[in-house]
Amino acid sequence: MANNLVIQTDFGLSDGAVSAMYGVAISVDPALRIFDLTHDIPQYNIWEGSYRLYQTISYWPEGTVFISVVDPGVGSDRRSIVAKTTQNQYIVTPDNGTLTHIKDEIGIVEVRIIDESVNRLPKSGESYTFHGRDVYAYTGARLASGVISFEEVGPEVTVDSVVELAKFVPTIDEASVTGNIDILDIRFGNLWTNIARTLFLQLNVEYGDNFEVTIHNDTRQVYKNIMTYGRSFADSHLGEPLIYVNSLDNLGIALNQGSFAKAYHIETGANWKISLRKVPKVIYN
């Protein structure tokens, strides 16, 4: 193991929940290196928890252990699992859809149910509402520090049995491509889609090409306008929209020095779709 433990939750930092998880992990092994992925996942938003793992995990060394706690079903019969990825990393999480993007985009090779008769914080009593501390931090720390092996987490289950959220697959025709608005680049309000650059390029596009961009959810059309495909934000004027390639090599939509999401009240998830249709350039005489 890499002795690295990376934690994400929807707990925020306004109380002691995250600190308690740190304390449990350090009590297992004071030499553990603990890092925060984020604790600002919107409450109960499993989709965003899934995406933030996908956004981050590939940049960490083999053997790194991730803990993800976005767990609206805590205390129910949902499973607590540890998944091993194709990149030899481990994710400790409730089995509630948090692994959707990892399973689809990176790959999972093995999954084990956490045996709480062994891998549960001693003296945690009959509490069933803080598995992040009592089960996930404890098990993740033991795995990351080498106290237990992956095989000692608990019994193996099939990868196919892991819960997945609905996920829209991008489509393309001769002149347009349609995908999903997966997530926001939160601080700046940019939209991150699941349309891969390689798929987009099948429309024979070049920087400077114009596209009619349409955004809709399950109930209505939210946005429709023409914008340009650019290399970077410098390719648009202040306040203008732009199509660009984000850091995950997928298409993004931005408003130069503004929040596109706030300006047009855009949200994310499986019911938010975006279409880009190539339109002819306007040539002025």
C-alpha atoms as a PDB file:
ATOM      1  CA  MET A   1       0.000   0.000   0.000  1.00  0.00           C
ATOM      2  CA  ALA A   2       1.025   3.612  -0.571  1.00  0.00           C
ATOM      3  CA  ASN A   3       0.150   4.606   3.040  1.00  0.00           C
ATOM      4  CA  ASN A   4      -2.096   7.312   1.553  1.00  0.00           C
ATOM      5  CA  LEU A   5      -5.683   7.812   2.659  1.00  0.00           C
ATOM      6  CA  VAL A   6      -7.866  10.236   0.654  1.00  0.00           C
ATOM      7  CA  ILE A   7     -11.269  11.171   2.088  1.00  0.00           C
ATOM      8  CA  GLN A   8     -14.358  12.787   0.557  1.00  0.00           C
ATOM      9  CA  THR A   9     -17.724  13.355   2.238  1.00  0.00           C
ATOM     10  CA  ASP A  10     -20.818  15.517   2.152  1.00  0.00           C
ATOM     11  CA  PHE A  11     -20.234  16.445   5.811  1.00  0.00           C
ATOM     12  CA  GLY A  12     -18.724  19.906   5.387  1.00  0.00           C
ATOM     13  CA  LEU A  13     -16.251  21.204   7.974  1.00  0.00           C
ATOM     14  CA  SER A  14     -18.564  23.103  10.305  1.00  0.00           C
ATOM     15  CA  ASP A  15     -18.638  20.344  12.930  1.00  0.00           C
ATOM     16  CA  GLY A  16     -16.385  17.552  14.157  1.00  0.00           C
ATOM     17  CA  ALA A  17     -17.423  14.700  11.855  1.00  0.00           C
ATOM     18  CA  VAL A  18     -14.416  14.843   9.517  1.00  0.00           C
ATOM     19  CA  SER A  19     -12.047  15.391  12.442  1.00  0.00           C
ATOM     20  CA  ALA A  20     -13.427  12.262  14.099  1.00  0.00           C
ATOM     21  CA  MET A  21     -12.669  10.254  10.947  1.00  0.00           C
ATOM     22  CA  TYR A  22      -9.121  11.639  10.969  1.00  0.00           C
ATOM     23  CA  GLY A  23      -8.751  10.649  14.609  1.00  0.00           C
ATOM     24  CA  VAL A  24      -9.866   7.079  13.971  1.00  0.00           C
ATOM     25  CA  ALA A  25      -7.453   6.731  11.051  1.00  0.00           C
ATOM     26  CA  ILE A  26      -4.476   8.156  12.926  1.00  0.00           C
ATOM     27  CA  SER A  27      -5.245   5.908  15.893  1.00  0.00           C
ATOM     28  CA  VAL A  28      -4.853   2.929  13.565  1.00  0.00           C
ATOM     29  CA  ASP A  29      -1.498   4.201  12.284  1.00  0.00           C
ATOM     30  CA  PRO A  30       0.009   7.595  13.209  1.00  0.00           C
ATOM     31  CA  ALA A  31       2.230   7.387  10.113  1.00  0.00           C
ATOM     32  CA  LEU A  32      -0.700   7.439   7.721  1.00  0.00           C
ATOM     33  CA  ARG A  33      -0.772  10.349   5.261  1.00  0.00           C
ATOM     34  CA  ILE A  34      -4.341  11.659   5.133  1.00  0.00           C
ATOM     35  CA  PHE A  35      -5.619  14.004   2.436  1.00  0.00           C
ATOM     36  CA  ASP A  36      -8.968  15.636   1.689  1.00  0.00           C
ATOM     37  CA  LEU A  37     -10.520  15.190  -1.728  1.00  0.00           C
ATOM     38  CA  THR A  38     -13.488  17.390  -0.777  1.00  0.00           C
ATOM     39  CA  HIS A  39     -16.035  17.657   2.005  1.00  0.00           C
ATOM     40  CA  ASP A  40     -18.293  19.979   0.011  1.00  0.00           C
ATOM     41  CA  ILE A  41     -20.309  17.392  -1.899  1.00  0.00           C
ATOM     42  CA  PRO A  42     -23.919  18.658  -1.748  1.00  0.00           C
ATOM     43  CA  GLN A  43     -25.797  16.698   0.899  1.00  0.00           C
ATOM     44  CA  TYR A  44     -26.968  13.282  -0.322  1.00  0.00           C
ATOM     45  CA  ASN A  45     -25.702  13.925  -3.884  1.00  0.00           C
ATOM     46  CA  ILE A  46     -24.358  10.482  -4.769  1.00  0.00           C
ATOM     47  CA  TRP A  47     -23.912  11.457  -8.437  1.00  0.00           C
ATOM     48  CA  GLU A  48     -21.471  14.242  -7.557  1.00  0.00           C
ATOM     49  CA  GLY A  49     -19.596  11.982  -5.155  1.00  0.00           C
ATOM     50  CA  SER A  50     -19.188   9.481  -7.973  1.00  0.00           C
ATOM     51  CA  TYR A  51     -17.903  12.124 -10.370  1.00  0.00           C
ATOM     52  CA  ARG A  52     -15.404  13.684  -7.938  1.00  0.00           C
ATOM     53  CA  LEU A  53     -13.791  10.291  -7.441  1.00  0.00           C
ATOM     54  CA  TYR A  54     -13.491   9.865 -11.212  1.00  0.00           C
ATOM     55  CA  GLN A  55     -12.085  13.391 -11.567  1.00  0.00           C
ATOM     56  CA  THR A  56      -9.305  12.704  -9.072  1.00  0.00           C
ATOM     57  CA  ILE A  57      -8.374   9.069  -8.676  1.00  0.00           C
ATOM     58  CA  SER A  58      -6.151   8.605 -11.746  1.00  0.00           C
ATOM     59  CA  TYR A  59      -3.648  11.165 -10.458  1.00  0.00           C
ATOM     60  CA  TRP A  60      -2.876   9.232  -7.259  1.00  0.00           C
ATOM     61  CA  PRO A  61      -0.281   6.449  -6.886  1.00  0.00           C
ATOM     62  CA  GLU A  62      -1.112   2.766  -6.966  1.00  0.00           C
ATOM     63  CA  GLY A  63      -2.165   1.443  -3.589  1.00  0.00           C
ATOM     64  CA  THR A  64      -3.860   4.676  -2.501  1.00  0.00           C
ATOM     65  CA  VAL A  65      -7.024   4.088  -0.468  1.00  0.00           C
ATOM     66  CA  PHE A  66     -10.019   6.401  -0.971  1.00  0.00           C
ATOM     67  CA  ILE A  67     -12.923   6.773   1.433  1.00  0.00           C
ATOM     68  CA  SER A  68     -16.138   8.207   0.005  1.00  0.00           C
ATOM     69  CA  VAL A  69     -19.047   8.887   2.349  1.00  0.00           C
ATOM     70  CA  VAL A  70     -22.164  10.260   0.688  1.00  0.00           C
ATOM     71  CA  ASP A  71     -24.587   7.984   2.414  1.00  0.00           C
ATOM     72  CA  PRO A  72     -28.268   8.942   2.607  1.00  0.00           C
ATOM     73  CA  GLY A  73     -29.073   5.270   3.275  1.00  0.00           C
ATOM     74  CA  VAL A  74     -26.817   4.906   6.322  1.00  0.00           C
ATOM     75  CA  GLY A  75     -28.209   2.319   8.742  1.00  0.00           C
ATOM     76  CA  SER A  76     -30.255   0.574   6.033  1.00  0.00           C
ATOM     77  CA  ASP A  77     -29.478  -2.750   4.370  1.00  0.00           C
ATOM     78  CA  ARG A  78     -27.268  -1.144   1.704  1.00  0.00           C
ATOM     79  CA  ARG A  79     -23.863  -2.821   1.551  1.00  0.00           C
ATOM     80  CA  SER A  80     -20.556  -1.397   2.758  1.00  0.00           C
ATOM     81  CA  ILE A  81     -17.840  -2.359   0.277  1.00  0.00           C
ATOM     82  CA  VAL A  82     -14.250  -1.890  -0.814  1.00  0.00           C
ATOM     83  CA  ALA A  83     -13.590  -1.880  -4.568  1.00  0.00           C
ATOM     84  CA  LYS A  84     -10.233  -2.441  -6.239  1.00  0.00           C
ATOM     85  CA  THR A  85      -9.767  -0.540  -9.509  1.00  0.00           C
ATOM     86  CA  THR A  86      -7.877  -1.528 -12.633  1.00  0.00           C
ATOM     87  CA  GLN A  87      -5.235   1.006 -11.553  1.00  0.00           C
ATOM     88  CA  ASN A  88      -4.691  -0.871  -8.273  1.00  0.00           C
ATOM     89  CA  GLN A  89      -6.368   1.660  -6.015  1.00  0.00           C
ATOM     90  CA  TYR A  90      -9.053   1.021  -3.416  1.00  0.00           C
ATOM     91  CA  ILE A  91     -12.349   2.777  -2.656  1.00  0.00           C
ATOM     92  CA  VAL A  92     -14.144   2.299   0.667  1.00  0.00           C
ATOM     93  CA  THR A  93     -17.765   3.339   0.288  1.00  0.00           C
ATOM     94  CA  PRO A  94     -21.435   2.485   0.681  1.00  0.00           C
ATOM     95  CA  ASP A  95     -22.700   0.533  -2.316  1.00  0.00           C
ATOM     96  CA  ASN A  96     -25.219   3.143  -3.443  1.00  0.00           C
ATOM     97  CA  GLY A  97     -24.010   4.340  -6.860  1.00  0.00           C
ATOM     98  CA  THR A  98     -20.865   6.126  -5.710  1.00  0.00           C
ATOM     99  CA  LEU A  99     -18.796   3.867  -7.975  1.00  0.00           C
ATOM    100  CA  THR A 100     -20.794   4.609 -11.148  1.00  0.00           C
ATOM    101  CA  HIS A 101     -18.164   6.686 -12.965  1.00  0.00           C
ATOM    102  CA  ILE A 102     -15.213   4.626 -11.710  1.00  0.00           C
ATOM    103  CA  LYS A 103     -16.805   1.393 -12.913  1.00  0.00           C
ATOM    104  CA  ASP A 104     -17.674   2.845 -16.320  1.00  0.00           C
ATOM    105  CA  GLU A 105     -14.663   5.041 -17.072  1.00  0.00           C
ATOM    106  CA  ILE A 106     -11.749   3.373 -15.213  1.00  0.00           C
ATOM    107  CA  GLY A 107     -12.816  -0.151 -14.323  1.00  0.00           C
ATOM    108  CA  ILE A 108     -13.193  -2.276 -11.200  1.00  0.00           C
ATOM    109  CA  VAL A 109     -11.532  -5.687 -10.930  1.00  0.00           C
ATOM    110  CA  GLU A 110     -12.679  -6.914  -7.516  1.00  0.00           C
ATOM    111  CA  VAL A 111     -15.169  -5.975  -4.780  1.00  0.00           C
ATOM    112  CA  ARG A 112     -15.443  -7.123  -1.173  1.00  0.00           C
ATOM    113  CA  ILE A 113     -18.133  -6.536   1.455  1.00  0.00           C
ATOM    114  CA  ILE A 114     -16.754  -5.107   4.693  1.00  0.00           C
ATOM    115  CA  ASP A 115     -17.009  -7.698   7.452  1.00  0.00           C
ATOM    116  CA  GLU A 116     -18.072  -5.481  10.350  1.00  0.00           C
ATOM    117  CA  SER A 117     -17.498  -8.253  12.874  1.00  0.00           C
ATOM    118  CA  VAL A 118     -13.795  -7.622  12.287  1.00  0.00           C
ATOM    119  CA  ASN A 119     -13.537  -4.280  10.506  1.00  0.00           C
ATOM    120  CA  ARG A 120     -15.502  -1.950  12.756  1.00  0.00           C
ATOM    121  CA  LEU A 121     -14.197   0.534  15.294  1.00  0.00           C
ATOM    122  CA  PRO A 122     -14.020  -1.190  18.687  1.00  0.00           C
ATOM    123  CA  LYS A 123     -16.470   0.104  21.298  1.00  0.00           C
ATOM    124  CA  SER A 124     -18.519   1.976  18.667  1.00  0.00           C
ATOM    125  CA  GLY A 125     -21.577   0.444  20.274  1.00  0.00           C
ATOM    126  CA  GLU A 126     -24.961   0.297  18.624  1.00  0.00           C
ATOM    127  CA  SER A 127     -24.540   3.446  16.528  1.00  0.00           C
ATOM    128  CA  TYR A 128     -25.878   3.013  12.995  1.00  0.00           C
ATOM    129  CA  THR A 129     -25.669   6.593  11.738  1.00  0.00           C
ATOM    130  CA  PHE A 130     -21.920   7.272  11.476  1.00  0.00           C
ATOM    131  CA  HIS A 131     -20.452   4.507   9.367  1.00  0.00           C
ATOM    132  CA  GLY A 132     -18.027   7.084   7.969  1.00  0.00           C
ATOM    133  CA  ARG A 133     -16.203   6.995  11.297  1.00  0.00           C
ATOM    134  CA  ASP A 134     -17.026   3.539  12.651  1.00  0.00           C
ATOM    135  CA  VAL A 135     -16.664   1.440   9.485  1.00  0.00           C
ATOM    136  CA  TYR A 136     -15.146   3.353   6.564  1.00  0.00           C
ATOM    137  CA  ALA A 137     -12.405   5.373   8.301  1.00  0.00           C
ATOM    138  CA  TYR A 138     -11.453   2.367  10.424  1.00  0.00           C
ATOM    139  CA  THR A 139     -11.390  -0.111   7.527  1.00  0.00           C
ATOM    140  CA  GLY A 140      -9.742   2.338   5.132  1.00  0.00           C
ATOM    141  CA  ALA A 141      -6.970   3.138   7.615  1.00  0.00           C
ATOM    142  CA  ARG A 142      -6.336  -0.541   8.334  1.00  0.00           C
ATOM    143  CA  LEU A 143      -6.119  -1.270   4.609  1.00  0.00           C
ATOM    144  CA  ALA A 144      -3.916   1.736   3.766  1.00  0.00           C
ATOM    145  CA  SER A 145      -1.486   1.010   6.604  1.00  0.00           C
ATOM    146  CA  GLY A 146      -1.211  -2.707   5.847  1.00  0.00           C
ATOM    147  CA  VAL A 147      -2.845  -3.877   9.081  1.00  0.00           C
ATOM    148  CA  ILE A 148      -5.191  -5.912   6.882  1.00  0.00           C
ATOM    149  CA  SER A 149      -4.909  -7.115   3.310  1.00  0.00           C
ATOM    150  CA  PHE A 150      -7.625  -6.545   0.747  1.00  0.00           C
ATOM    151  CA  GLU A 151      -8.654 -10.182   1.141  1.00  0.00           C
ATOM    152  CA  GLU A 152      -9.183  -9.572   4.883  1.00  0.00           C
ATOM    153  CA  VAL A 153     -11.753  -6.831   4.229  1.00  0.00           C
ATOM    154  CA  GLY A 154     -14.473  -9.460   3.889  1.00  0.00           C
ATOM    155  CA  PRO A 155     -16.139 -11.801   1.401  1.00  0.00           C
ATOM    156  CA  GLU A 156     -15.851 -11.173  -2.336  1.00  0.00           C
ATOM    157  CA  VAL A 157     -18.914 -10.244  -4.396  1.00  0.00           C
ATOM    158  CA  THR A 158     -19.254  -9.856  -8.154  1.00  0.00           C
ATOM    159  CA  VAL A 159     -18.353  -6.577  -9.821  1.00  0.00           C
ATOM    160  CA  ASP A 160     -21.637  -6.761 -11.739  1.00  0.00           C
ATOM    161  CA  SER A 161     -23.558  -6.582  -8.459  1.00  0.00           C
ATOM    162  CA  VAL A 162     -22.261  -3.085  -7.640  1.00  0.00           C
ATOM    163  CA  VAL A 163     -25.054  -0.478  -7.697  1.00  0.00           C
ATOM    164  CA  GLU A 164     -24.875   2.014 -10.584  1.00  0.00           C
ATOM    165  CA  LEU A 165     -26.754   5.237 -11.247  1.00  0.00           C
ATOM    166  CA  ALA A 166     -28.388   5.896 -14.622  1.00  0.00           C
ATOM    167  CA  LYS A 167     -25.760   7.357 -16.965  1.00  0.00           C
ATOM    168  CA  PHE A 168     -26.483   8.832 -20.407  1.00  0.00           C
ATOM    169  CA  VAL A 169     -24.194   7.716 -23.244  1.00  0.00           C
ATOM    170  CA  PRO A 170     -23.317  10.520 -25.714  1.00  0.00           C
ATOM    171  CA  THR A 171     -24.667  10.230 -29.250  1.00  0.00           C
ATOM    172  CA  ILE A 172     -23.499  11.731 -32.543  1.00  0.00           C
ATOM    173  CA  ASP A 173     -24.876  12.216 -36.047  1.00  0.00           C
ATOM    174  CA  GLU A 174     -23.610  14.030 -39.148  1.00  0.00           C
ATOM    175  CA  ALA A 175     -23.866  17.539 -37.730  1.00  0.00           C
ATOM    176  CA  SER A 176     -24.386  17.325 -33.972  1.00  0.00           C
ATOM    177  CA  VAL A 177     -23.423  15.614 -30.733  1.00  0.00           C
ATOM    178  CA  THR A 178     -25.532  15.204 -27.591  1.00  0.00           C
ATOM    179  CA  GLY A 179     -24.364  14.411 -24.102  1.00  0.00           C
ATOM    180  CA  ASN A 180     -24.922  14.947 -20.418  1.00  0.00           C
ATOM    181  CA  ILE A 181     -23.961  17.810 -18.093  1.00  0.00           C
ATOM    182  CA  ASP A 182     -22.163  15.680 -15.556  1.00  0.00           C
ATOM    183  CA  ILE A 183     -20.817  18.264 -13.128  1.00  0.00           C
ATOM    184  CA  LEU A 184     -19.914  21.909 -12.560  1.00  0.00           C
ATOM    185  CA  ASP A 185     -16.478  23.423 -12.250  1.00  0.00           C
ATOM    186  CA  ILE A 186     -17.997  24.839  -9.098  1.00  0.00           C
ATOM    187  CA  ARG A 187     -15.880  27.864  -8.284  1.00  0.00           C
ATOM    188  CA  PHE A 188     -16.106  29.266 -11.811  1.00  0.00           C
ATOM    189  CA  GLY A 189     -19.527  27.961 -12.868  1.00  0.00           C
ATOM    190  CA  ASN A 190     -18.348  26.158 -15.999  1.00  0.00           C
ATOM    191  CA  LEU A 191     -20.329  23.165 -17.264  1.00  0.00           C
ATOM    192  CA  TRP A 192     -18.475  19.872 -17.657  1.00  0.00           C
ATOM    193  CA  THR A 193     -20.083  17.415 -20.065  1.00  0.00           C
ATOM    194  CA  ASN A 194     -19.498  13.731 -20.738  1.00  0.00           C
ATOM    195  CA  ILE A 195     -18.803  14.434 -24.433  1.00  0.00           C
ATOM    196  CA  ALA A 196     -15.250  13.285 -25.112  1.00  0.00           C
ATOM    197  CA  ARG A 197     -13.013  15.479 -27.258  1.00  0.00           C
ATOM    198  CA  THR A 198     -12.365  12.487 -29.536  1.00  0.00           C
ATOM    199  CA  LEU A 199     -16.105  12.091 -30.174  1.00  0.00           C
ATOM    200  CA  PHE A 200     -16.557  15.822 -30.782  1.00  0.00           C
ATOM    201  CA  LEU A 201     -13.722  15.845 -33.324  1.00  0.00           C
ATOM    202  CA  GLN A 202     -15.665  13.358 -35.453  1.00  0.00           C
ATOM    203  CA  LEU A 203     -17.697  16.403 -36.571  1.00  0.00           C
ATOM    204  CA  ASN A 204     -14.518  17.632 -38.333  1.00  0.00           C
ATOM    205  CA  VAL A 205     -14.272  20.705 -36.126  1.00  0.00           C
ATOM    206  CA  GLU A 206     -11.584  23.349 -35.940  1.00  0.00           C
ATOM    207  CA  TYR A 207     -10.915  26.077 -33.413  1.00  0.00           C
ATOM    208  CA  GLY A 208     -13.100  29.022 -34.295  1.00  0.00           C
ATOM    209  CA  ASP A 209     -16.026  26.918 -35.543  1.00  0.00           C
ATOM    210  CA  ASN A 210     -19.503  27.961 -34.406  1.00  0.00           C
ATOM    211  CA  PHE A 211     -22.083  25.705 -32.769  1.00  0.00           C
ATOM    212  CA  GLU A 212     -25.686  26.071 -31.775  1.00  0.00           C
ATOM    213  CA  VAL A 213     -25.719  24.903 -28.157  1.00  0.00           C
ATOM    214  CA  THR A 214     -28.998  23.716 -26.643  1.00  0.00           C
ATOM    215  CA  ILE A 215     -29.433  22.732 -22.999  1.00  0.00           C
ATOM    216  CA  HIS A 216     -32.558  21.103 -21.594  1.00  0.00           C
ATOM    217  CA  ASN A 217     -33.712  19.051 -18.655  1.00  0.00           C
ATOM    218  CA  ASP A 218     -36.605  16.639 -18.348  1.00  0.00           C
ATOM    219  CA  THR A 219     -39.192  19.407 -18.428  1.00  0.00           C
ATOM    220  CA  ARG A 220     -37.995  22.280 -20.615  1.00  0.00           C
ATOM    221  CA  GLN A 221     -35.357  23.890 -22.788  1.00  0.00           C
ATOM    222  CA  VAL A 222     -33.155  26.082 -20.598  1.00  0.00           C
ATOM    223  CA  TYR A 223     -30.660  27.586 -23.074  1.00  0.00           C
ATOM    224  CA  LYS A 224     -30.123  27.961 -26.828  1.00  0.00           C
ATOM    225  CA  ASN A 225     -27.485  30.118 -28.453  1.00  0.00           C
ATOM    226  CA  ILE A 226     -24.538  30.199 -30.855  1.00  0.00           C
ATOM    227  CA  MET A 227     -21.034  29.973 -29.421  1.00  0.00           C
ATOM    228  CA  THR A 228     -17.477  29.349 -30.617  1.00  0.00           C
ATOM    229  CA  TYR A 229     -15.149  26.426 -30.051  1.00  0.00           C
ATOM    230  CA  GLY A 230     -11.907  27.833 -28.620  1.00  0.00           C
ATOM    231  CA  ARG A 231      -8.565  26.613 -27.359  1.00  0.00           C
ATOM    232  CA  SER A 232      -8.790  28.584 -24.101  1.00  0.00           C
ATOM    233  CA  PHE A 233     -10.794  31.332 -22.398  1.00  0.00           C
ATOM    234  CA  ALA A 234      -8.607  33.890 -24.140  1.00  0.00           C
ATOM    235  CA  ASP A 235     -10.374  32.967 -27.389  1.00  0.00           C
ATOM    236  CA  SER A 236     -13.552  34.761 -26.266  1.00  0.00           C
ATOM    237  CA  HIS A 237     -14.371  38.292 -25.171  1.00  0.00           C
ATOM    238  CA  LEU A 238     -15.314  39.189 -21.610  1.00  0.00           C
ATOM    239  CA  GLY A 239     -18.804  37.855 -20.862  1.00  0.00           C
ATOM    240  CA  GLU A 240     -18.999  35.702 -23.999  1.00  0.00           C
ATOM    241  CA  PRO A 241     -19.752  31.957 -23.929  1.00  0.00           C
ATOM    242  CA  LEU A 242     -17.192  29.450 -25.170  1.00  0.00           C
ATOM    243  CA  ILE A 243     -16.875  25.725 -25.903  1.00  0.00           C
ATOM    244  CA  TYR A 244     -13.538  24.318 -24.711  1.00  0.00           C
ATOM    245  CA  VAL A 245     -11.835  21.053 -23.721  1.00  0.00           C
ATOM    246  CA  ASN A 246     -11.575  20.624 -19.947  1.00  0.00           C
ATOM    247  CA  SER A 247      -8.891  18.942 -17.863  1.00  0.00           C
ATOM    248  CA  LEU A 248     -10.519  15.508 -18.282  1.00  0.00           C
ATOM    249  CA  ASP A 249     -10.419  15.797 -22.099  1.00  0.00           C
ATOM    250  CA  ASN A 250     -14.178  16.340 -22.314  1.00  0.00           C
ATOM    251  CA  LEU A 251     -16.139  19.327 -23.591  1.00  0.00           C
ATOM    252  CA  GLY A 252     -16.834  22.205 -21.247  1.00  0.00           C
ATOM    253  CA  ILE A 253     -19.009  25.294 -21.572  1.00  0.00           C
ATOM    254  CA  ALA A 254     -17.827  28.545 -20.000  1.00  0.00           C
ATOM    255  CA  LEU A 255     -18.706  32.210 -19.727  1.00  0.00           C
ATOM    256  CA  ASN A 256     -15.529  34.288 -19.894  1.00  0.00           C
ATOM    257  CA  GLN A 257     -14.997  35.618 -16.338  1.00  0.00           C
ATOM    258  CA  GLY A 258     -18.550  34.721 -15.375  1.00  0.00           C
ATOM    259  CA  SER A 259     -20.558  31.758 -14.106  1.00  0.00           C
ATOM    260  CA  PHE A 260     -22.466  30.083 -16.919  1.00  0.00           C
ATOM    261  CA  ALA A 261     -24.316  27.900 -14.406  1.00  0.00           C
ATOM    262  CA  LYS A 262     -25.557  30.843 -12.350  1.00  0.00           C
ATOM    263  CA  ALA A 263     -26.353  33.034 -15.348  1.00  0.00           C
ATOM    264  CA  TYR A 264     -28.650  30.422 -16.887  1.00  0.00           C
ATOM    265  CA  HIS A 265     -29.655  28.379 -13.811  1.00  0.00           C
ATOM    266  CA  ILE A 266     -28.024  25.185 -15.056  1.00  0.00           C
ATOM    267  CA  GLU A 267     -27.816  22.102 -12.869  1.00  0.00           C
ATOM    268  CA  THR A 268     -26.211  18.698 -13.339  1.00  0.00           C
ATOM    269  CA  GLY A 269     -27.070  15.034 -13.412  1.00  0.00           C
ATOM    270  CA  ALA A 270     -28.553  12.421 -15.686  1.00  0.00           C
ATOM    271  CA  ASN A 271     -31.580  14.557 -16.627  1.00  0.00           C
ATOM    272  CA  TRP A 272     -29.541  17.546 -17.902  1.00  0.00           C
ATOM    273  CA  LYS A 273     -28.713  17.157 -21.603  1.00  0.00           C
ATOM    274  CA  ILE A 274     -26.665  19.330 -23.948  1.00  0.00           C
ATOM    275  CA  SER A 275     -26.560  19.274 -27.761  1.00  0.00           C
ATOM    276  CA  LEU A 276     -24.026  20.992 -30.015  1.00  0.00           C
ATOM    277  CA  ARG A 277     -24.892  21.435 -33.702  1.00  0.00           C
ATOM    278  CA  LYS A 278     -22.294  22.753 -36.101  1.00  0.00           C
ATOM    279  CA  VAL A 279     -23.418  25.880 -37.962  1.00  0.00           C
ATOM    280  CA  PRO A 280     -21.739  27.673 -40.903  1.00  0.00           C
ATOM    281  CA  LYS A 281     -19.406  30.530 -40.136  1.00  0.00           C
ATOM    282  CA  VAL A 282     -20.753  33.951 -40.963  1.00  0.00           C
ATOM    283  CA  ILE A 283     -18.501  35.679 -43.491  1.00  0.00           C
ATOM    284  CA  TYR A 284     -18.793  39.442 -43.720  1.00  0.00           C
ATOM    285  CA  ASN A 285     -17.874  41.278 -46.946  1.00  0.00           C
END
